[in-house]
């Protein structure tokens, strides 16, 4: 009776494994995730993850790291939060509230963020030259002095006015460029945003669901990390390493050391 039940289950698992096809990532594979899962400090973790950010053909975006990924790599979360705050105040990086979840935050080195703004500026150069100066005002006066993830309308206009006379259309241009998003609770407040990130956030959400669904359907809801890392998600252009770090750091997955290597397992609620 038991043997008869197992056969369809095994066939189903094999079919599901084929759905998440084995694929090679464009990210640096010189070290496996198992070999560089943990780091001693936040800045080192950020630099390694930046270097391993997946190469994306269709999305023009500078590398970013999720705060959850840092939690997967530096065991002391308090240390991560403290070091992130210090790096933010020192203007090494910026932290962005993401729309994918209440606790989701993206981190981008300041130099990369400024390159991203420059890229958006060049893409929109065909517009009215008189309005385009707002990008310089934004970079020079707003980004330089406002280090928090959000800003109020009055403060934004006050800082922009250090560059020139601010009109409503200037603020609209920054919103349309993807540099600011209005907060739903208070329309007079804005979140700073990473331009061009929309399709990746959709992929992040779908990739999370796909990976968790895949593991949940396995018999023991687990898989060897070395094997899983080589799989390719169908619904996300972000690679498996990116998603594994995210889901381990957010507590949805956990790692278990075994004699044959590290196992990734779905966390029980």
Protein backbone atom coordinates (compact mmCIF):
# COMPACT_ATOMS: atom_id res chain seq x y z
CA UNK A 1 0.00 0.00 0.00
CA UNK A 2 2.80 2.41 1.02
CA UNK A 3 4.86 1.50 -2.04
CA UNK A 4 1.95 2.24 -4.34
CA UNK A 5 1.60 5.74 -2.89
CA UNK A 6 5.25 6.63 -3.24
CA UNK A 7 5.61 6.13 -6.96
CA UNK A 8 3.34 9.01 -8.19
CA UNK A 9 4.82 11.28 -5.51
CA UNK A 10 8.37 10.58 -6.73
CA UNK A 11 7.35 11.14 -10.35
CA UNK A 12 5.68 14.43 -9.38
CA UNK A 13 8.81 15.62 -7.56
CA UNK A 14 10.99 14.75 -10.56
CA UNK A 15 8.64 16.66 -12.88
CA UNK A 16 8.70 19.67 -10.56
CA UNK A 17 12.50 19.60 -10.46
CA UNK A 18 12.49 19.83 -14.24
CA UNK A 19 10.25 22.94 -14.01
CA UNK A 20 13.01 24.76 -12.14
CA UNK A 21 15.53 23.96 -14.81
CA UNK A 22 19.22 23.66 -14.19
CA UNK A 23 20.91 26.75 -15.58
CA UNK A 24 24.19 28.61 -15.25
CA UNK A 25 24.06 32.10 -13.81
CA UNK A 26 26.02 35.01 -15.23
CA UNK A 27 27.03 35.96 -11.69
CA UNK A 28 30.52 35.09 -10.54
CA UNK A 29 30.58 31.40 -9.68
CA UNK A 30 34.19 31.21 -8.52
CA UNK A 31 32.92 30.38 -5.03
CA UNK A 32 29.76 28.45 -4.26
CA UNK A 33 27.18 29.95 -1.92
CA UNK A 34 28.07 27.31 0.66
CA UNK A 35 31.69 28.52 0.60
CA UNK A 36 30.82 32.20 1.10
CA UNK A 37 27.49 32.28 2.90
CA UNK A 38 28.71 34.15 5.98
CA UNK A 39 30.92 37.20 6.53
CA UNK A 40 32.39 38.92 9.57
CA UNK A 41 31.11 42.42 8.82
CA UNK A 42 28.40 44.21 6.86
CA UNK A 43 30.60 46.19 4.47
CA UNK A 44 32.46 43.07 3.37
CA UNK A 45 29.16 41.29 2.80
CA UNK A 46 27.85 44.24 0.78
CA UNK A 47 30.94 44.34 -1.43
CA UNK A 48 30.86 40.60 -2.15
CA UNK A 49 27.13 40.62 -2.91
CA UNK A 50 27.53 43.68 -5.13
CA UNK A 51 30.21 41.80 -7.11
CA UNK A 52 27.89 38.78 -7.36
CA UNK A 53 24.81 40.74 -8.45
CA UNK A 54 23.32 38.89 -11.45
CA UNK A 55 24.08 40.27 -14.91
CA UNK A 56 20.76 41.42 -16.38
CA UNK A 57 20.50 41.95 -20.14
CA UNK A 58 17.11 43.67 -20.27
CA UNK A 59 17.25 45.89 -17.17
CA UNK A 60 19.58 48.89 -16.89
CA UNK A 61 20.21 48.95 -13.16
CA UNK A 62 23.20 49.21 -10.85
CA UNK A 63 23.72 46.39 -8.33
CA UNK A 64 21.70 46.49 -5.12
CA UNK A 65 21.53 44.28 -2.04
CA UNK A 66 18.54 43.40 0.14
CA UNK A 67 18.73 43.93 3.87
CA UNK A 68 17.41 40.38 4.32
CA UNK A 69 20.43 39.10 2.37
CA UNK A 70 22.74 40.77 4.88
CA UNK A 71 20.86 39.05 7.70
CA UNK A 72 21.61 35.71 6.02
CA UNK A 73 25.34 36.47 5.91
CA UNK A 74 26.15 38.35 9.13
CA UNK A 75 24.73 36.37 12.02
CA UNK A 76 24.25 39.29 14.42
CA UNK A 77 21.31 41.31 13.08
CA UNK A 78 21.95 44.10 15.58
CA UNK A 79 25.46 44.41 14.16
CA UNK A 80 24.04 44.65 10.62
CA UNK A 81 21.59 47.38 11.61
CA UNK A 82 24.26 49.32 13.49
CA UNK A 83 26.81 49.10 10.66
CA UNK A 84 24.21 49.98 8.02
CA UNK A 85 23.24 53.08 9.98
CA UNK A 86 26.89 54.10 10.25
CA UNK A 87 27.54 53.55 6.52
CA UNK A 88 24.39 55.53 5.68
CA UNK A 89 25.49 58.50 7.81
CA UNK A 90 28.96 58.35 6.24
CA UNK A 91 27.30 58.56 2.79
CA UNK A 92 28.78 55.25 1.66
CA UNK A 93 25.35 53.87 0.75
CA UNK A 94 21.65 54.63 0.62
CA UNK A 95 18.77 52.53 1.96
CA UNK A 96 15.48 52.33 0.05
CA UNK A 97 12.07 51.12 1.21
CA UNK A 98 10.83 48.54 -1.32
CA UNK A 99 7.22 47.88 -2.29
CA UNK A 100 7.59 44.07 -2.09
CA UNK A 101 7.00 43.81 1.66
CA UNK A 102 6.68 45.83 4.84
CA UNK A 103 10.20 44.96 5.99
CA UNK A 104 11.87 44.91 2.57
CA UNK A 105 14.73 47.36 2.09
CA UNK A 106 17.19 47.69 -0.76
CA UNK A 107 20.72 48.96 -0.30
CA UNK A 108 22.81 50.63 -3.00
CA UNK A 109 26.27 52.11 -2.77
CA UNK A 110 26.02 55.88 -3.20
CA UNK A 111 28.34 55.89 -6.23
CA UNK A 112 26.10 53.33 -7.95
CA UNK A 113 22.98 55.34 -7.09
CA UNK A 114 24.47 58.50 -8.61
CA UNK A 115 25.31 56.50 -11.77
CA UNK A 116 21.70 55.32 -11.86
CA UNK A 117 20.44 58.91 -11.66
CA UNK A 118 22.84 59.91 -14.44
CA UNK A 119 21.56 57.08 -16.60
CA UNK A 120 17.96 58.22 -16.11
CA UNK A 121 18.94 61.81 -16.86
CA UNK A 122 20.52 60.78 -20.18
CA UNK A 123 17.46 58.72 -21.09
CA UNK A 124 15.18 61.73 -20.55
CA UNK A 125 17.43 64.33 -22.17
CA UNK A 126 15.03 64.82 -25.09
CA UNK A 127 12.61 66.60 -22.76
CA UNK A 128 12.53 70.35 -22.04
CA UNK A 129 16.09 71.38 -21.17
CA UNK A 130 14.82 73.96 -18.70
CA UNK A 131 13.22 71.26 -16.57
CA UNK A 132 16.12 68.82 -16.78
CA UNK A 133 18.20 70.94 -14.41
CA UNK A 134 16.11 69.48 -11.56
CA UNK A 135 18.22 66.30 -11.77
CA UNK A 136 21.33 68.29 -10.86
CA UNK A 137 19.46 70.06 -8.05
CA UNK A 138 18.26 66.68 -6.79
CA UNK A 139 21.75 65.13 -6.86
CA UNK A 140 23.56 68.14 -5.41
CA UNK A 141 21.14 69.38 -2.77
CA UNK A 142 18.70 66.57 -1.92
CA UNK A 143 20.74 63.37 -2.17
CA UNK A 144 23.74 65.05 -0.55
CA UNK A 145 21.89 66.30 2.54
CA UNK A 146 18.83 64.08 3.01
CA UNK A 147 20.11 60.64 4.01
CA UNK A 148 16.86 59.07 5.27
CA UNK A 149 14.69 56.79 3.07
CA UNK A 150 11.86 59.36 2.88
CA UNK A 151 11.33 63.12 2.53
CA UNK A 152 8.39 65.51 2.94
CA UNK A 153 7.11 67.66 0.08
CA UNK A 154 8.05 70.95 1.75
CA UNK A 155 11.56 69.82 2.63
CA UNK A 156 12.04 68.46 -0.89
CA UNK A 157 11.03 71.77 -2.47
CA UNK A 158 13.13 73.71 0.01
CA UNK A 159 16.26 71.70 -0.84
CA UNK A 160 15.58 71.80 -4.60
CA UNK A 161 15.16 75.59 -4.40
CA UNK A 162 18.84 75.84 -3.47
CA UNK A 163 19.43 75.05 -7.14
CA UNK A 164 16.77 77.26 -8.70
CA UNK A 165 13.07 78.15 -8.81
CA UNK A 166 11.05 74.99 -8.15
CA UNK A 167 7.79 74.30 -10.00
CA UNK A 168 5.31 71.45 -9.55
CA UNK A 169 6.46 70.03 -12.87
CA UNK A 170 9.99 69.59 -11.47
CA UNK A 171 8.70 67.30 -8.73
CA UNK A 172 6.53 65.46 -11.28
CA UNK A 173 9.60 64.90 -13.42
CA UNK A 174 11.45 63.29 -10.49
CA UNK A 175 8.45 61.04 -9.81
CA UNK A 176 8.10 60.06 -13.49
CA UNK A 177 11.83 59.30 -13.61
CA UNK A 178 11.36 56.81 -10.77
CA UNK A 179 13.48 58.72 -8.24
CA UNK A 180 10.57 59.37 -5.88
CA UNK A 181 7.33 57.54 -5.08
CA UNK A 182 4.44 59.02 -3.10
CA UNK A 183 3.64 57.37 0.21
CA UNK A 184 0.12 55.93 0.27
CA UNK A 185 -0.60 56.96 3.87
CA UNK A 186 0.59 60.56 3.44
CA UNK A 187 0.65 62.00 -0.11
CA UNK A 188 2.87 64.84 1.14
CA UNK A 189 5.64 62.34 1.88
CA UNK A 190 7.84 60.57 -0.68
CA UNK A 191 10.02 57.48 -0.59
CA UNK A 192 13.35 57.77 -2.39
CA UNK A 193 13.35 55.07 -5.06
CA UNK A 194 15.73 53.23 -7.39
CA UNK A 195 14.81 53.98 -11.03
CA UNK A 196 14.13 50.99 -13.33
CA UNK A 197 13.69 48.57 -10.40
CA UNK A 198 10.00 47.80 -11.06
CA UNK A 199 10.41 44.64 -13.17
CA UNK A 200 13.00 43.26 -10.73
CA UNK A 201 10.68 43.75 -7.76
CA UNK A 202 8.00 41.80 -9.62
CA UNK A 203 10.56 39.07 -10.29
CA UNK A 204 11.65 39.13 -6.64
CA UNK A 205 8.08 38.49 -5.46
CA UNK A 206 7.42 35.78 -8.04
CA UNK A 207 10.80 34.15 -7.51
CA UNK A 208 10.22 33.94 -3.76
CA UNK A 209 6.89 32.17 -4.33
CA UNK A 210 8.34 29.84 -6.97
CA UNK A 211 11.29 28.76 -4.83
CA UNK A 212 9.21 28.22 -1.68
CA UNK A 213 6.56 26.34 -3.64
CA UNK A 214 9.23 24.13 -5.19
CA UNK A 215 10.73 23.20 -1.82
CA UNK A 216 7.35 22.81 -0.10
CA UNK A 217 6.36 20.19 -2.67
CA UNK A 218 9.42 18.06 -2.00
CA UNK A 219 9.03 15.14 0.38
CA UNK A 220 11.08 16.60 3.22
CA UNK A 221 10.81 20.23 2.06
CA UNK A 222 14.57 20.41 1.65
CA UNK A 223 17.41 20.11 -0.85
CA UNK A 224 21.20 20.16 -0.83
CA UNK A 225 22.35 23.78 -1.18
CA UNK A 226 24.97 22.88 -3.82
CA UNK A 227 22.26 21.26 -5.98
CA UNK A 228 19.65 23.95 -5.42
CA UNK A 229 22.05 26.76 -6.25
CA UNK A 230 22.45 25.37 -9.78
CA UNK A 231 18.72 25.51 -10.47
CA UNK A 232 17.21 28.26 -12.59
CA UNK A 233 13.97 30.03 -11.65
CA UNK A 234 11.50 30.57 -14.49
CA UNK A 235 9.67 33.57 -13.04
CA UNK A 236 12.60 35.77 -11.97
CA UNK A 237 15.58 37.21 -13.81
CA UNK A 238 17.40 37.40 -10.47
CA UNK A 239 19.51 34.31 -9.92
CA UNK A 240 19.06 31.50 -7.39
CA UNK A 241 21.87 32.77 -5.16
CA UNK A 242 20.10 36.15 -4.84
CA UNK A 243 16.82 34.48 -3.82
CA UNK A 244 18.42 31.98 -1.44
CA UNK A 245 20.22 34.71 0.50
CA UNK A 246 16.96 36.68 0.69
CA UNK A 247 14.79 33.81 1.94
CA UNK A 248 17.40 32.53 4.41
CA UNK A 249 17.83 36.04 5.84
CA UNK A 250 14.07 36.62 6.12
CA UNK A 251 13.66 33.32 7.98
CA UNK A 252 11.55 31.54 5.34
CA UNK A 253 14.40 29.06 4.74
CA UNK A 254 17.05 27.73 7.07
CA UNK A 255 20.37 25.99 6.49
CA UNK A 256 21.38 22.76 8.21
CA UNK A 257 24.92 21.35 8.20
CA UNK A 258 25.07 17.62 7.38
CA UNK A 259 28.04 15.28 6.79
CA UNK A 260 27.41 15.45 3.02
CA UNK A 261 27.09 19.25 2.88
CA UNK A 262 24.69 22.07 3.68
CA UNK A 263 20.96 21.46 3.32
CA UNK A 264 18.36 24.20 2.70
CA UNK A 265 15.04 23.51 4.40
CA UNK A 266 11.72 25.33 4.58
CA UNK A 267 11.32 26.83 8.06
CA UNK A 268 8.34 25.62 10.05
CA UNK A 269 6.04 28.41 11.22
